[in-house]
């Protein structure tokens, strides 16, 4: 439900977002000017206008990029679906998200492994042979610069950051 709300807000036309932010900033300006309205009548009229003018700078530089990023993350999480979920006999897809300039996928291997390096190489080969490997390694750079696959095993965590050269 949260993701649906975020996707709805990010889908609004930009003039609506500018209007809401401008109105909110004008209201904040009125609240700030209210205590001074008896002494400085002109200031109580000018301060809300100044706040609305400030919103013209804040909206495109702070609010719109943040909404854009939140929309990407909400769409990504909605596409991931209900987690955790079992993908096959040995792999549980635990979580997905966009953190620290990276798209993070977290899995748990339910079998005991004996060789961490061999398992890492096999997992990387599996990621490289996925149909969407090129898309995973070329994530839109405005949101994240890489994809990180984390596998929790009995021997500890295996972290894989695939590059386009790993794709076949």
C-alpha atoms as a PDB file:
ATOM      1  CA  UNK A   1       0.000   0.000   0.000  1.00  0.00           C
ATOM      2  CA  UNK A   2       2.867   2.377   0.849  1.00  0.00           C
ATOM      3  CA  UNK A   3       4.449   1.736  -2.545  1.00  0.00           C
ATOM      4  CA  UNK A   4       1.134   2.370  -4.295  1.00  0.00           C
ATOM      5  CA  UNK A   5       0.848   5.744  -2.550  1.00  0.00           C
ATOM      6  CA  UNK A   6       4.401   6.716  -3.512  1.00  0.00           C
ATOM      7  CA  UNK A   7       3.795   5.652  -7.116  1.00  0.00           C
ATOM      8  CA  UNK A   8       0.546   7.674  -7.152  1.00  0.00           C
ATOM      9  CA  UNK A   9       2.288  10.807  -5.831  1.00  0.00           C
ATOM     10  CA  UNK A  10       5.192  10.482  -8.260  1.00  0.00           C
ATOM     11  CA  UNK A  11       2.702  10.046 -11.091  1.00  0.00           C
ATOM     12  CA  UNK A  12       1.080  13.430 -10.440  1.00  0.00           C
ATOM     13  CA  UNK A  13       1.733  16.175 -12.989  1.00  0.00           C
ATOM     14  CA  UNK A  14       4.613  18.430 -11.998  1.00  0.00           C
ATOM     15  CA  UNK A  15       2.396  21.543 -11.821  1.00  0.00           C
ATOM     16  CA  UNK A  16       0.368  19.838  -9.051  1.00  0.00           C
ATOM     17  CA  UNK A  17       3.528  19.107  -7.057  1.00  0.00           C
ATOM     18  CA  UNK A  18       4.766  22.677  -7.571  1.00  0.00           C
ATOM     19  CA  UNK A  19       1.360  23.956  -6.418  1.00  0.00           C
ATOM     20  CA  UNK A  20       1.285  21.802  -3.301  1.00  0.00           C
ATOM     21  CA  UNK A  21       4.844  22.745  -2.320  1.00  0.00           C
ATOM     22  CA  UNK A  22       4.183  26.437  -3.063  1.00  0.00           C
ATOM     23  CA  UNK A  23       0.997  26.356  -0.978  1.00  0.00           C
ATOM     24  CA  UNK A  24       2.729  24.606   1.896  1.00  0.00           C
ATOM     25  CA  UNK A  25       5.625  27.070   1.831  1.00  0.00           C
ATOM     26  CA  UNK A  26       3.163  29.998   1.735  1.00  0.00           C
ATOM     27  CA  UNK A  27       1.366  28.568   4.759  1.00  0.00           C
ATOM     28  CA  UNK A  28       4.672  28.152   6.599  1.00  0.00           C
ATOM     29  CA  UNK A  29       5.529  31.755   5.725  1.00  0.00           C
ATOM     30  CA  UNK A  30       2.161  32.909   7.105  1.00  0.00           C
ATOM     31  CA  UNK A  31       2.760  31.016  10.359  1.00  0.00           C
ATOM     32  CA  UNK A  32       6.253  32.518  10.657  1.00  0.00           C
ATOM     33  CA  UNK A  33       4.927  36.043   9.986  1.00  0.00           C
ATOM     34  CA  UNK A  34       1.847  35.767  12.225  1.00  0.00           C
ATOM     35  CA  UNK A  35       3.549  36.713  15.536  1.00  0.00           C
ATOM     36  CA  UNK A  36       4.858  39.904  13.894  1.00  0.00           C
ATOM     37  CA  UNK A  37       1.579  40.886  12.194  1.00  0.00           C
ATOM     38  CA  UNK A  38       0.571  43.468  14.823  1.00  0.00           C
ATOM     39  CA  UNK A  39       3.861  45.382  14.688  1.00  0.00           C
ATOM     40  CA  UNK A  40       4.878  44.899  11.061  1.00  0.00           C
ATOM     41  CA  UNK A  41       1.780  44.723   8.916  1.00  0.00           C
ATOM     42  CA  UNK A  42       3.691  44.739   5.603  1.00  0.00           C
ATOM     43  CA  UNK A  43       6.045  41.995   6.790  1.00  0.00           C
ATOM     44  CA  UNK A  44       3.110  39.686   7.481  1.00  0.00           C
ATOM     45  CA  UNK A  45       2.130  40.022   3.812  1.00  0.00           C
ATOM     46  CA  UNK A  46       5.615  39.850   2.342  1.00  0.00           C
ATOM     47  CA  UNK A  47       7.010  36.862   4.299  1.00  0.00           C
ATOM     48  CA  UNK A  48       4.523  34.312   2.840  1.00  0.00           C
ATOM     49  CA  UNK A  49       5.333  35.598  -0.659  1.00  0.00           C
ATOM     50  CA  UNK A  50       9.055  35.182   0.049  1.00  0.00           C
ATOM     51  CA  UNK A  51       8.427  31.588   1.165  1.00  0.00           C
ATOM     52  CA  UNK A  52       6.452  30.870  -2.019  1.00  0.00           C
ATOM     53  CA  UNK A  53       9.311  32.301  -4.101  1.00  0.00           C
ATOM     54  CA  UNK A  54      11.768  30.100  -2.186  1.00  0.00           C
ATOM     55  CA  UNK A  55       9.607  27.092  -3.093  1.00  0.00           C
ATOM     56  CA  UNK A  56      10.332  27.805  -6.770  1.00  0.00           C
ATOM     57  CA  UNK A  57      13.973  26.914  -6.051  1.00  0.00           C
ATOM     58  CA  UNK A  58      13.351  24.099  -3.553  1.00  0.00           C
ATOM     59  CA  UNK A  59      10.866  22.158  -5.688  1.00  0.00           C
ATOM     60  CA  UNK A  60      13.016  21.408  -8.769  1.00  0.00           C
ATOM     61  CA  UNK A  61      16.294  21.063  -6.879  1.00  0.00           C
ATOM     62  CA  UNK A  62      15.241  19.048  -3.830  1.00  0.00           C
ATOM     63  CA  UNK A  63      11.630  17.819  -3.962  1.00  0.00           C
ATOM     64  CA  UNK A  64      11.408  16.601  -7.575  1.00  0.00           C
ATOM     65  CA  UNK A  65      14.696  14.606  -7.547  1.00  0.00           C
ATOM     66  CA  UNK A  66      13.708  13.012  -4.221  1.00  0.00           C
ATOM     67  CA  UNK A  67      10.249  12.106  -5.554  1.00  0.00           C
ATOM     68  CA  UNK A  68      11.856  10.707  -8.704  1.00  0.00           C
ATOM     69  CA  UNK A  69      14.165   8.499  -6.652  1.00  0.00           C
ATOM     70  CA  UNK A  70      11.342   7.418  -4.336  1.00  0.00           C
ATOM     71  CA  UNK A  71       9.262   6.494  -7.387  1.00  0.00           C
ATOM     72  CA  UNK A  72      12.082   4.337  -8.752  1.00  0.00           C
ATOM     73  CA  UNK A  73      12.552   2.596  -5.395  1.00  0.00           C
ATOM     74  CA  UNK A  74       8.805   2.059  -4.887  1.00  0.00           C
ATOM     75  CA  UNK A  75       8.428   0.637  -8.402  1.00  0.00           C
ATOM     76  CA  UNK A  76      11.432  -1.603  -7.821  1.00  0.00           C
ATOM     77  CA  UNK A  77      10.066  -2.896  -4.502  1.00  0.00           C
ATOM     78  CA  UNK A  78       6.590  -3.444  -5.948  1.00  0.00           C
ATOM     79  CA  UNK A  79       8.108  -5.416  -8.830  1.00  0.00           C
ATOM     80  CA  UNK A  80      10.079  -7.562  -6.347  1.00  0.00           C
ATOM     81  CA  UNK A  81       6.759  -8.702  -4.870  1.00  0.00           C
ATOM     82  CA  UNK A  82       6.199 -10.460  -1.581  1.00  0.00           C
ATOM     83  CA  UNK A  83       9.479 -11.373   0.052  1.00  0.00           C
ATOM     84  CA  UNK A  84      10.913 -13.672   1.265  1.00  0.00           C
ATOM     85  CA  UNK A  85       9.995 -16.251  -1.350  1.00  0.00           C
ATOM     86  CA  UNK A  86      11.524 -19.542  -2.352  1.00  0.00           C
ATOM     87  CA  UNK A  87      12.950 -19.443  -5.884  1.00  0.00           C
ATOM     88  CA  UNK A  88      14.022 -23.078  -6.136  1.00  0.00           C
ATOM     89  CA  UNK A  89      15.026 -25.998  -3.908  1.00  0.00           C
ATOM     90  CA  UNK A  90      18.074 -24.201  -2.479  1.00  0.00           C
ATOM     91  CA  UNK A  91      17.528 -20.449  -2.927  1.00  0.00           C
ATOM     92  CA  UNK A  92      15.323 -18.104  -0.900  1.00  0.00           C
ATOM     93  CA  UNK A  93      14.942 -14.542  -2.213  1.00  0.00           C
ATOM     94  CA  UNK A  94      14.985 -12.553   1.039  1.00  0.00           C
ATOM     95  CA  UNK A  95      15.008  -8.867   0.144  1.00  0.00           C
ATOM     96  CA  UNK A  96      15.657  -6.267  -2.496  1.00  0.00           C
ATOM     97  CA  UNK A  97      16.199  -2.548  -2.287  1.00  0.00           C
ATOM     98  CA  UNK A  98      18.154   0.482  -3.343  1.00  0.00           C
ATOM     99  CA  UNK A  99      20.737   1.436  -0.718  1.00  0.00           C
ATOM    100  CA  UNK A 100      23.978   3.384  -0.836  1.00  0.00           C
ATOM    101  CA  UNK A 101      23.988   3.953  -4.600  1.00  0.00           C
ATOM    102  CA  UNK A 102      23.406   0.255  -5.350  1.00  0.00           C
ATOM    103  CA  UNK A 103      20.522  -2.084  -6.090  1.00  0.00           C
ATOM    104  CA  UNK A 104      20.850  -4.834  -3.490  1.00  0.00           C
ATOM    105  CA  UNK A 105      19.475  -8.355  -3.845  1.00  0.00           C
ATOM    106  CA  UNK A 106      19.691 -10.643  -0.829  1.00  0.00           C
ATOM    107  CA  UNK A 107      19.379 -14.425  -1.018  1.00  0.00           C
ATOM    108  CA  UNK A 108      19.859 -17.351   1.350  1.00  0.00           C
ATOM    109  CA  UNK A 109      21.202 -20.718   0.232  1.00  0.00           C
ATOM    110  CA  UNK A 110      19.454 -23.428   2.259  1.00  0.00           C
ATOM    111  CA  UNK A 111      22.066 -26.115   1.601  1.00  0.00           C
ATOM    112  CA  UNK A 112      25.453 -26.454   3.240  1.00  0.00           C
ATOM    113  CA  UNK A 113      28.306 -25.564   0.909  1.00  0.00           C
ATOM    114  CA  UNK A 114      31.863 -26.807   1.225  1.00  0.00           C
ATOM    115  CA  UNK A 115      33.848 -24.377  -0.930  1.00  0.00           C
ATOM    116  CA  UNK A 116      32.985 -20.678  -0.797  1.00  0.00           C
ATOM    117  CA  UNK A 117      35.162 -19.706  -3.801  1.00  0.00           C
ATOM    118  CA  UNK A 118      33.699 -22.450  -6.004  1.00  0.00           C
ATOM    119  CA  UNK A 119      30.148 -21.477  -4.973  1.00  0.00           C
ATOM    120  CA  UNK A 120      30.872 -17.813  -5.703  1.00  0.00           C
ATOM    121  CA  UNK A 121      32.180 -18.688  -9.176  1.00  0.00           C
ATOM    122  CA  UNK A 122      29.124 -20.863  -9.880  1.00  0.00           C
ATOM    123  CA  UNK A 123      26.761 -18.110  -8.714  1.00  0.00           C
ATOM    124  CA  UNK A 124      28.554 -15.505 -10.851  1.00  0.00           C
ATOM    125  CA  UNK A 125      28.305 -17.826 -13.856  1.00  0.00           C
ATOM    126  CA  UNK A 126      24.593 -18.251 -13.156  1.00  0.00           C
ATOM    127  CA  UNK A 127      24.082 -14.470 -12.916  1.00  0.00           C
ATOM    128  CA  UNK A 128      26.086 -14.004 -16.138  1.00  0.00           C
ATOM    129  CA  UNK A 129      23.881 -16.444 -18.028  1.00  0.00           C
ATOM    130  CA  UNK A 130      20.606 -14.788 -16.954  1.00  0.00           C
ATOM    131  CA  UNK A 131      18.584 -13.307 -19.785  1.00  0.00           C
ATOM    132  CA  UNK A 132      18.514  -9.890 -18.063  1.00  0.00           C
ATOM    133  CA  UNK A 133      22.205  -9.743 -17.112  1.00  0.00           C
ATOM    134  CA  UNK A 134      22.972  -6.803 -19.409  1.00  0.00           C
ATOM    135  CA  UNK A 135      20.061  -4.834 -17.920  1.00  0.00           C
ATOM    136  CA  UNK A 136      21.181  -5.605 -14.357  1.00  0.00           C
ATOM    137  CA  UNK A 137      24.699  -4.369 -15.068  1.00  0.00           C
ATOM    138  CA  UNK A 138      23.468  -1.229 -16.836  1.00  0.00           C
ATOM    139  CA  UNK A 139      21.081   0.130 -14.185  1.00  0.00           C
ATOM    140  CA  UNK A 140      20.081   3.760 -14.721  1.00  0.00           C
ATOM    141  CA  UNK A 141      23.017   5.661 -13.239  1.00  0.00           C
ATOM    142  CA  UNK A 142      20.817   8.360 -11.714  1.00  0.00           C
ATOM    143  CA  UNK A 143      19.528   5.868  -9.150  1.00  0.00           C
ATOM    144  CA  UNK A 144      22.300   3.358  -8.593  1.00  0.00           C
ATOM    145  CA  UNK A 145      25.729   2.663 -10.028  1.00  0.00           C
ATOM    146  CA  UNK A 146      25.757  -1.115  -9.572  1.00  0.00           C
ATOM    147  CA  UNK A 147      23.847  -4.231  -8.570  1.00  0.00           C
ATOM    148  CA  UNK A 148      24.983  -6.234  -5.552  1.00  0.00           C
ATOM    149  CA  UNK A 149      23.970  -9.847  -5.012  1.00  0.00           C
ATOM    150  CA  UNK A 150      24.364 -11.067  -1.434  1.00  0.00           C
ATOM    151  CA  UNK A 151      24.102 -14.767  -0.655  1.00  0.00           C
ATOM    152  CA  UNK A 152      23.914 -15.931   2.952  1.00  0.00           C
ATOM    153  CA  UNK A 153      25.473 -19.388   3.347  1.00  0.00           C
ATOM    154  CA  UNK A 154      26.636 -21.685   6.118  1.00  0.00           C
ATOM    155  CA  UNK A 155      30.222 -20.432   5.479  1.00  0.00           C
ATOM    156  CA  UNK A 156      29.310 -16.759   5.619  1.00  0.00           C
ATOM    157  CA  UNK A 157      28.172 -14.157   3.130  1.00  0.00           C
ATOM    158  CA  UNK A 158      29.094 -14.252  -0.551  1.00  0.00           C
ATOM    159  CA  UNK A 159      28.938 -10.848  -2.254  1.00  0.00           C
ATOM    160  CA  UNK A 160      28.860 -10.581  -6.032  1.00  0.00           C
ATOM    161  CA  UNK A 161      28.947  -7.333  -8.014  1.00  0.00           C
ATOM    162  CA  UNK A 162      28.533  -8.371 -11.658  1.00  0.00           C
ATOM    163  CA  UNK A 163      30.076  -6.343 -14.471  1.00  0.00           C
ATOM    164  CA  UNK A 164      28.903  -6.285 -18.064  1.00  0.00           C
ATOM    165  CA  UNK A 165      31.929  -8.442 -18.999  1.00  0.00           C
ATOM    166  CA  UNK A 166      30.454 -11.220 -16.797  1.00  0.00           C
ATOM    167  CA  UNK A 167      27.349 -11.433 -19.019  1.00  0.00           C
ATOM    168  CA  UNK A 168      27.112 -13.914 -21.844  1.00  0.00           C
END
